[in-house]
N, C-alpha and C. Protein backbone atom coordinates (compact mmCIF):
# COMPACT_ATOMS: atom_id res chain seq x y z
N MET A 1 -55.54 -24.51 41.05
CA MET A 1 -54.72 -24.78 39.91
C MET A 1 -55.63 -24.98 38.69
N ILE A 2 -55.27 -24.33 37.61
CA ILE A 2 -56.01 -24.47 36.36
C ILE A 2 -55.30 -25.52 35.52
N VAL A 3 -56.05 -26.51 35.10
CA VAL A 3 -55.51 -27.58 34.26
C VAL A 3 -56.22 -27.52 32.92
N ASN A 4 -55.43 -27.39 31.86
CA ASN A 4 -56.00 -27.33 30.52
C ASN A 4 -56.30 -28.72 29.98
N MET A 5 -57.29 -28.78 29.13
CA MET A 5 -57.64 -30.00 28.44
C MET A 5 -56.47 -30.43 27.56
N PRO A 6 -56.16 -31.72 27.49
CA PRO A 6 -55.10 -32.17 26.57
C PRO A 6 -55.38 -31.70 25.15
N GLU A 7 -54.33 -31.41 24.43
CA GLU A 7 -54.45 -30.86 23.08
C GLU A 7 -54.95 -31.91 22.08
N GLU A 8 -55.54 -31.41 21.01
CA GLU A 8 -56.09 -32.27 19.96
C GLU A 8 -55.03 -33.21 19.40
N GLU A 9 -53.83 -32.73 19.24
CA GLU A 9 -52.74 -33.55 18.71
C GLU A 9 -52.47 -34.76 19.61
N HIS A 10 -52.48 -34.53 20.93
CA HIS A 10 -52.27 -35.64 21.87
C HIS A 10 -53.41 -36.65 21.77
N LEU A 11 -54.62 -36.17 21.69
CA LEU A 11 -55.78 -37.03 21.56
C LEU A 11 -55.69 -37.88 20.29
N SER A 12 -55.29 -37.27 19.20
CA SER A 12 -55.14 -37.97 17.94
C SER A 12 -54.02 -39.01 18.01
N ASP A 13 -52.88 -38.63 18.54
CA ASP A 13 -51.74 -39.55 18.63
C ASP A 13 -52.05 -40.75 19.52
N ILE A 14 -52.69 -40.52 20.65
CA ILE A 14 -53.04 -41.61 21.56
C ILE A 14 -54.03 -42.55 20.88
N THR A 15 -55.04 -42.00 20.24
CA THR A 15 -56.04 -42.82 19.57
C THR A 15 -55.39 -43.68 18.49
N GLU A 16 -54.56 -43.07 17.66
CA GLU A 16 -53.90 -43.83 16.60
C GLU A 16 -53.02 -44.93 17.17
N SER A 17 -52.29 -44.63 18.22
CA SER A 17 -51.42 -45.61 18.84
C SER A 17 -52.21 -46.79 19.41
N VAL A 18 -53.28 -46.51 20.13
CA VAL A 18 -54.11 -47.57 20.70
C VAL A 18 -54.78 -48.37 19.59
N TRP A 19 -55.38 -47.69 18.64
CA TRP A 19 -56.15 -48.36 17.59
C TRP A 19 -55.28 -49.29 16.76
N THR A 20 -54.16 -48.77 16.27
CA THR A 20 -53.31 -49.57 15.40
C THR A 20 -52.48 -50.58 16.19
N GLY A 21 -52.05 -50.21 17.39
CA GLY A 21 -51.23 -51.10 18.20
C GLY A 21 -52.02 -52.23 18.82
N PHE A 22 -53.20 -51.93 19.33
CA PHE A 22 -53.99 -52.91 20.04
C PHE A 22 -54.84 -53.75 19.09
N LEU A 23 -55.39 -53.11 18.06
CA LEU A 23 -56.31 -53.79 17.15
C LEU A 23 -55.69 -54.17 15.81
N ASP A 24 -54.61 -53.46 15.44
CA ASP A 24 -53.96 -53.68 14.15
C ASP A 24 -54.93 -53.47 12.98
N ILE A 25 -55.76 -52.43 13.11
CA ILE A 25 -56.67 -52.02 12.04
C ILE A 25 -56.18 -50.66 11.53
N PRO A 26 -56.11 -50.47 10.23
CA PRO A 26 -55.69 -49.16 9.72
C PRO A 26 -56.61 -48.04 10.20
N LEU A 27 -56.01 -46.91 10.49
CA LEU A 27 -56.75 -45.74 10.95
C LEU A 27 -56.18 -44.51 10.26
N VAL A 28 -57.05 -43.72 9.64
CA VAL A 28 -56.62 -42.53 8.91
C VAL A 28 -57.37 -41.34 9.47
N ARG A 29 -56.63 -40.28 9.78
CA ARG A 29 -57.24 -39.06 10.29
C ARG A 29 -58.16 -38.47 9.23
N SER A 30 -59.31 -37.96 9.64
CA SER A 30 -60.29 -37.43 8.72
C SER A 30 -60.80 -36.10 9.23
N ALA A 31 -61.15 -35.23 8.32
CA ALA A 31 -61.68 -33.92 8.69
C ALA A 31 -63.20 -33.93 8.78
N LEU A 32 -63.78 -35.11 8.81
CA LEU A 32 -65.24 -35.21 8.89
C LEU A 32 -65.75 -34.58 10.18
N ALA A 33 -66.82 -33.82 10.06
CA ALA A 33 -67.45 -33.25 11.24
C ALA A 33 -68.16 -34.36 12.00
N PRO A 34 -68.08 -34.35 13.33
CA PRO A 34 -68.75 -35.39 14.12
C PRO A 34 -70.25 -35.44 13.85
N VAL A 35 -70.74 -36.64 13.70
CA VAL A 35 -72.17 -36.87 13.46
C VAL A 35 -72.66 -37.93 14.44
N ALA A 36 -73.96 -38.12 14.48
CA ALA A 36 -74.53 -39.16 15.32
C ALA A 36 -74.04 -40.53 14.84
N CYS A 37 -73.80 -41.42 15.76
CA CYS A 37 -73.31 -42.76 15.44
C CYS A 37 -74.09 -43.80 16.22
N ASP A 38 -73.99 -45.03 15.75
CA ASP A 38 -74.71 -46.13 16.36
C ASP A 38 -74.22 -46.48 17.76
N CYS A 39 -72.92 -46.35 17.99
CA CYS A 39 -72.31 -46.84 19.22
C CYS A 39 -71.40 -45.79 19.84
N ALA A 40 -71.50 -45.62 21.14
CA ALA A 40 -70.61 -44.72 21.86
C ALA A 40 -70.23 -45.36 23.18
N ALA A 41 -68.96 -45.30 23.50
CA ALA A 41 -68.46 -45.76 24.79
C ALA A 41 -67.72 -44.60 25.42
N SER A 42 -67.91 -44.41 26.72
CA SER A 42 -67.28 -43.29 27.39
C SER A 42 -66.71 -43.70 28.74
N VAL A 43 -65.73 -42.92 29.18
CA VAL A 43 -65.20 -43.05 30.54
C VAL A 43 -65.07 -41.64 31.11
N ARG A 44 -65.36 -41.51 32.36
CA ARG A 44 -65.25 -40.22 33.06
C ARG A 44 -63.88 -40.13 33.70
N ILE A 45 -63.27 -38.96 33.61
CA ILE A 45 -61.99 -38.68 34.25
C ILE A 45 -62.26 -37.62 35.31
N GLU A 46 -61.85 -37.89 36.54
CA GLU A 46 -62.09 -36.96 37.65
C GLU A 46 -60.77 -36.70 38.38
N GLY A 47 -60.61 -35.48 38.82
CA GLY A 47 -59.41 -35.11 39.58
C GLY A 47 -59.10 -33.65 39.35
N ALA A 48 -57.84 -33.38 39.01
CA ALA A 48 -57.43 -32.00 38.73
C ALA A 48 -58.15 -31.45 37.50
N TRP A 49 -58.48 -32.33 36.59
CA TRP A 49 -59.29 -31.99 35.42
C TRP A 49 -60.46 -32.95 35.39
N ASN A 50 -61.65 -32.46 35.08
CA ASN A 50 -62.85 -33.30 35.06
C ASN A 50 -63.47 -33.29 33.67
N GLY A 51 -63.78 -34.47 33.20
CA GLY A 51 -64.41 -34.57 31.90
C GLY A 51 -64.66 -36.01 31.52
N SER A 52 -64.99 -36.20 30.26
CA SER A 52 -65.24 -37.54 29.73
C SER A 52 -64.54 -37.71 28.40
N LEU A 53 -64.13 -38.93 28.17
CA LEU A 53 -63.57 -39.33 26.89
C LEU A 53 -64.62 -40.23 26.25
N VAL A 54 -65.04 -39.90 25.02
CA VAL A 54 -66.08 -40.65 24.32
C VAL A 54 -65.50 -41.15 22.99
N VAL A 55 -65.68 -42.44 22.73
CA VAL A 55 -65.29 -43.04 21.46
C VAL A 55 -66.59 -43.47 20.80
N TYR A 56 -66.86 -43.00 19.59
CA TYR A 56 -68.10 -43.38 18.94
C TYR A 56 -67.88 -43.67 17.46
N CYS A 57 -68.68 -44.65 16.98
CA CYS A 57 -68.50 -45.15 15.63
C CYS A 57 -69.76 -45.86 15.16
N SER A 58 -69.68 -46.41 13.96
CA SER A 58 -70.79 -47.18 13.41
C SER A 58 -70.85 -48.54 14.09
N ARG A 59 -72.00 -49.17 13.98
CA ARG A 59 -72.16 -50.52 14.53
C ARG A 59 -71.22 -51.49 13.81
N ALA A 60 -71.05 -51.33 12.50
CA ALA A 60 -70.17 -52.22 11.73
C ALA A 60 -68.74 -52.16 12.25
N LEU A 61 -68.25 -50.97 12.57
CA LEU A 61 -66.89 -50.86 13.08
C LEU A 61 -66.79 -51.42 14.50
N ALA A 62 -67.79 -51.18 15.33
CA ALA A 62 -67.79 -51.74 16.68
C ALA A 62 -67.78 -53.27 16.63
N GLN A 63 -68.51 -53.84 15.69
CA GLN A 63 -68.52 -55.29 15.54
C GLN A 63 -67.16 -55.80 15.06
N ARG A 64 -66.53 -55.05 14.16
CA ARG A 64 -65.18 -55.44 13.69
C ARG A 64 -64.20 -55.42 14.85
N VAL A 65 -64.26 -54.41 15.69
CA VAL A 65 -63.39 -54.32 16.87
C VAL A 65 -63.62 -55.54 17.77
N ALA A 66 -64.87 -55.89 17.99
CA ALA A 66 -65.19 -57.03 18.85
C ALA A 66 -64.69 -58.35 18.27
N THR A 67 -64.80 -58.53 16.95
CA THR A 67 -64.31 -59.78 16.37
C THR A 67 -62.81 -59.93 16.56
N ILE A 68 -62.08 -58.83 16.50
CA ILE A 68 -60.63 -58.86 16.72
C ILE A 68 -60.33 -59.08 18.20
N MET A 69 -60.97 -58.30 19.04
CA MET A 69 -60.68 -58.34 20.47
C MET A 69 -61.03 -59.70 21.09
N PHE A 70 -62.16 -60.26 20.70
CA PHE A 70 -62.61 -61.51 21.30
C PHE A 70 -62.34 -62.73 20.41
N GLN A 71 -61.68 -62.50 19.27
CA GLN A 71 -61.29 -63.56 18.35
C GLN A 71 -62.46 -64.50 18.05
N CYS A 72 -63.52 -63.91 17.54
CA CYS A 72 -64.71 -64.70 17.21
C CYS A 72 -65.23 -64.27 15.84
N ASP A 73 -66.14 -65.05 15.31
CA ASP A 73 -66.77 -64.72 14.04
C ASP A 73 -67.87 -63.70 14.27
N SER A 74 -68.15 -62.91 13.25
CA SER A 74 -69.17 -61.86 13.40
C SER A 74 -70.55 -62.44 13.69
N ASP A 75 -70.83 -63.67 13.24
CA ASP A 75 -72.14 -64.25 13.51
C ASP A 75 -72.30 -64.69 14.97
N GLU A 76 -71.18 -64.72 15.73
CA GLU A 76 -71.23 -65.06 17.15
C GLU A 76 -71.45 -63.84 18.04
N LEU A 77 -71.40 -62.66 17.45
CA LEU A 77 -71.45 -61.43 18.23
C LEU A 77 -72.84 -61.09 18.71
N ARG A 78 -72.89 -60.64 19.93
CA ARG A 78 -74.10 -60.06 20.50
C ARG A 78 -73.73 -58.62 20.89
N GLU A 79 -74.74 -57.80 21.09
CA GLU A 79 -74.47 -56.40 21.45
C GLU A 79 -73.58 -56.30 22.68
N ALA A 80 -73.74 -57.19 23.63
CA ALA A 80 -72.92 -57.14 24.84
C ALA A 80 -71.44 -57.23 24.51
N LEU A 81 -71.07 -58.02 23.51
CA LEU A 81 -69.66 -58.16 23.16
C LEU A 81 -69.10 -56.91 22.50
N TRP A 82 -69.87 -56.36 21.52
CA TRP A 82 -69.30 -55.17 20.88
C TRP A 82 -69.38 -53.95 21.78
N SER A 83 -70.31 -53.89 22.70
CA SER A 83 -70.32 -52.78 23.65
C SER A 83 -69.16 -52.92 24.63
N ASP A 84 -68.84 -54.15 25.04
CA ASP A 84 -67.67 -54.38 25.90
C ASP A 84 -66.38 -54.00 25.18
N ALA A 85 -66.29 -54.36 23.91
CA ALA A 85 -65.09 -54.05 23.13
C ALA A 85 -64.88 -52.54 23.02
N MET A 86 -65.93 -51.81 22.70
CA MET A 86 -65.80 -50.36 22.59
C MET A 86 -65.52 -49.72 23.95
N GLY A 87 -66.12 -50.28 25.01
CA GLY A 87 -65.83 -49.78 26.35
C GLY A 87 -64.36 -49.95 26.71
N GLU A 88 -63.79 -51.07 26.30
CA GLU A 88 -62.37 -51.30 26.58
C GLU A 88 -61.48 -50.32 25.80
N ILE A 89 -61.84 -50.05 24.56
CA ILE A 89 -61.08 -49.06 23.77
C ILE A 89 -61.16 -47.68 24.44
N ALA A 90 -62.36 -47.28 24.86
CA ALA A 90 -62.52 -45.99 25.56
C ALA A 90 -61.70 -45.99 26.85
N ASN A 91 -61.67 -47.11 27.55
CA ASN A 91 -60.92 -47.22 28.80
C ASN A 91 -59.42 -47.07 28.56
N ILE A 92 -58.91 -47.69 27.51
CA ILE A 92 -57.47 -47.61 27.21
C ILE A 92 -57.09 -46.19 26.79
N ILE A 93 -57.87 -45.60 25.88
CA ILE A 93 -57.57 -44.22 25.45
C ILE A 93 -57.72 -43.27 26.63
N GLY A 94 -58.81 -43.42 27.40
CA GLY A 94 -59.02 -42.57 28.58
C GLY A 94 -57.90 -42.70 29.60
N GLY A 95 -57.40 -43.91 29.80
CA GLY A 95 -56.28 -44.12 30.72
C GLY A 95 -55.02 -43.40 30.27
N ASN A 96 -54.79 -43.38 28.96
CA ASN A 96 -53.63 -42.65 28.43
C ASN A 96 -53.80 -41.15 28.60
N ILE A 97 -55.02 -40.65 28.43
CA ILE A 97 -55.28 -39.22 28.65
C ILE A 97 -55.11 -38.89 30.13
N LYS A 98 -55.65 -39.72 31.00
CA LYS A 98 -55.53 -39.52 32.45
C LYS A 98 -54.07 -39.43 32.88
N ALA A 99 -53.22 -40.25 32.26
CA ALA A 99 -51.79 -40.26 32.60
C ALA A 99 -51.11 -38.93 32.27
N MET A 100 -51.70 -38.15 31.37
CA MET A 100 -51.14 -36.85 31.00
C MET A 100 -51.54 -35.75 31.98
N LEU A 101 -52.52 -36.03 32.82
CA LEU A 101 -53.07 -35.02 33.73
C LEU A 101 -52.38 -35.08 35.09
N PRO A 102 -52.40 -33.96 35.83
CA PRO A 102 -51.81 -33.98 37.16
C PRO A 102 -52.57 -34.91 38.11
N ALA A 103 -51.83 -35.49 39.03
CA ALA A 103 -52.44 -36.35 40.06
C ALA A 103 -53.08 -35.47 41.12
N PRO A 104 -54.06 -35.94 41.79
CA PRO A 104 -54.70 -37.24 41.62
C PRO A 104 -55.76 -37.18 40.53
N SER A 105 -55.86 -38.25 39.79
CA SER A 105 -56.90 -38.39 38.78
C SER A 105 -57.43 -39.81 38.84
N ARG A 106 -58.72 -39.95 38.58
CA ARG A 106 -59.38 -41.26 38.59
C ARG A 106 -60.09 -41.46 37.27
N LEU A 107 -60.15 -42.71 36.87
CA LEU A 107 -60.85 -43.08 35.65
C LEU A 107 -62.07 -43.91 36.04
N GLY A 108 -63.24 -43.50 35.58
CA GLY A 108 -64.46 -44.23 35.88
C GLY A 108 -64.59 -45.48 35.03
N LEU A 109 -65.65 -46.21 35.29
CA LEU A 109 -65.93 -47.42 34.51
C LEU A 109 -66.51 -47.04 33.15
N PRO A 110 -66.20 -47.82 32.12
CA PRO A 110 -66.75 -47.54 30.79
C PRO A 110 -68.28 -47.66 30.78
N ARG A 111 -68.89 -46.80 29.99
CA ARG A 111 -70.35 -46.84 29.78
C ARG A 111 -70.60 -46.90 28.29
N PHE A 112 -71.65 -47.58 27.89
CA PHE A 112 -71.98 -47.73 26.48
C PHE A 112 -73.36 -47.15 26.21
N GLN A 113 -73.52 -46.55 25.03
CA GLN A 113 -74.81 -46.00 24.66
C GLN A 113 -75.02 -46.19 23.16
N SER A 114 -76.20 -46.63 22.79
CA SER A 114 -76.56 -46.77 21.37
C SER A 114 -77.14 -45.45 20.86
N ASN A 115 -77.06 -45.25 19.56
CA ASN A 115 -77.64 -44.05 18.91
C ASN A 115 -77.24 -42.77 19.62
N TRP A 116 -75.97 -42.52 19.69
CA TRP A 116 -75.43 -41.38 20.42
C TRP A 116 -75.27 -40.17 19.50
N HIS A 117 -75.60 -39.00 20.02
CA HIS A 117 -75.46 -37.74 19.28
C HIS A 117 -74.44 -36.87 19.99
N PRO A 118 -73.42 -36.39 19.26
CA PRO A 118 -72.41 -35.55 19.90
C PRO A 118 -73.03 -34.24 20.38
N PRO A 119 -72.54 -33.72 21.51
CA PRO A 119 -73.13 -32.52 22.09
C PRO A 119 -72.78 -31.23 21.37
N GLY A 120 -71.88 -31.26 20.40
CA GLY A 120 -71.52 -30.05 19.67
C GLY A 120 -70.48 -29.20 20.38
N GLU A 121 -69.88 -29.75 21.41
CA GLU A 121 -68.83 -29.04 22.13
C GLU A 121 -67.73 -30.04 22.42
N GLY A 122 -66.65 -29.55 22.97
CA GLY A 122 -65.54 -30.43 23.29
C GLY A 122 -64.55 -30.51 22.14
N GLN A 123 -63.57 -31.34 22.33
CA GLN A 123 -62.50 -31.49 21.37
C GLN A 123 -62.67 -32.83 20.65
N ALA A 124 -63.03 -32.79 19.38
CA ALA A 124 -63.30 -34.01 18.62
C ALA A 124 -62.21 -34.24 17.59
N VAL A 125 -61.87 -35.51 17.42
CA VAL A 125 -60.92 -35.91 16.40
C VAL A 125 -61.62 -36.99 15.57
N GLY A 126 -61.61 -36.83 14.25
CA GLY A 126 -62.27 -37.79 13.37
C GLY A 126 -61.28 -38.66 12.63
N PHE A 127 -61.70 -39.89 12.37
CA PHE A 127 -60.89 -40.86 11.66
C PHE A 127 -61.77 -41.67 10.72
N ARG A 128 -61.13 -42.43 9.84
CA ARG A 128 -61.80 -43.47 9.05
C ARG A 128 -61.00 -44.74 9.31
N SER A 129 -61.73 -45.82 9.54
CA SER A 129 -61.11 -47.12 9.76
C SER A 129 -61.94 -48.16 9.03
N ASP A 130 -61.32 -48.90 8.15
CA ASP A 130 -62.04 -49.88 7.33
C ASP A 130 -63.23 -49.23 6.62
N GLY A 131 -63.07 -47.97 6.21
CA GLY A 131 -64.12 -47.25 5.49
C GLY A 131 -65.22 -46.70 6.37
N GLU A 132 -65.13 -46.92 7.68
CA GLU A 132 -66.17 -46.48 8.62
C GLU A 132 -65.67 -45.29 9.44
N PRO A 133 -66.58 -44.38 9.84
CA PRO A 133 -66.17 -43.25 10.67
C PRO A 133 -65.91 -43.67 12.12
N LEU A 134 -64.93 -43.02 12.72
CA LEU A 134 -64.61 -43.19 14.13
C LEU A 134 -64.30 -41.79 14.67
N TYR A 135 -64.89 -41.46 15.80
CA TYR A 135 -64.65 -40.16 16.43
C TYR A 135 -64.24 -40.37 17.87
N VAL A 136 -63.35 -39.52 18.32
CA VAL A 136 -62.97 -39.50 19.73
C VAL A 136 -63.18 -38.08 20.21
N LEU A 137 -63.92 -37.96 21.29
CA LEU A 137 -64.32 -36.65 21.82
C LEU A 137 -63.89 -36.52 23.27
N LEU A 138 -63.29 -35.40 23.59
CA LEU A 138 -62.92 -35.08 24.96
C LEU A 138 -63.78 -33.92 25.40
N LEU A 139 -64.60 -34.16 26.44
CA LEU A 139 -65.51 -33.15 26.95
C LEU A 139 -65.09 -32.70 28.33
N GLU A 140 -64.87 -31.42 28.49
CA GLU A 140 -64.57 -30.89 29.82
C GLU A 140 -65.90 -30.69 30.55
N GLU A 141 -65.94 -31.10 31.81
CA GLU A 141 -67.16 -31.02 32.60
C GLU A 141 -66.85 -30.42 33.96
N PRO A 142 -67.84 -29.82 34.59
CA PRO A 142 -67.61 -29.30 35.93
C PRO A 142 -67.29 -30.43 36.90
N GLY A 143 -66.45 -30.13 37.89
CA GLY A 143 -66.06 -31.12 38.89
C GLY A 143 -67.14 -31.51 39.75
């Protein structure tokens, strides 16, 4: 069975829904080309379709997400907190993408990486949130 990658529109809609619903931070779609960013969190999706969902942004935006998610002041933040926050966002968006795919599908554990460079392939959607760039990338990978 051939399973197609979810469409860009679905990726955009899910991201906007999670971002604004869960974090209550404004998010605006942007035509910015994906660039290297300070923070990237990813989850692997395996099953009928295999790939990864990557959420990447500036350190400032990752810290803003963490302050909201963990209800703390920015001076209390350590990298572990903002990497956990971004991992959770990737997990929620990835879970919504997984739900669109045929069963069986599994979602891996979130992974975090600093100074991440996009591979130049896959389906990327760009946004601006609080003046900072945010990108969500869906990469199809061999099973």
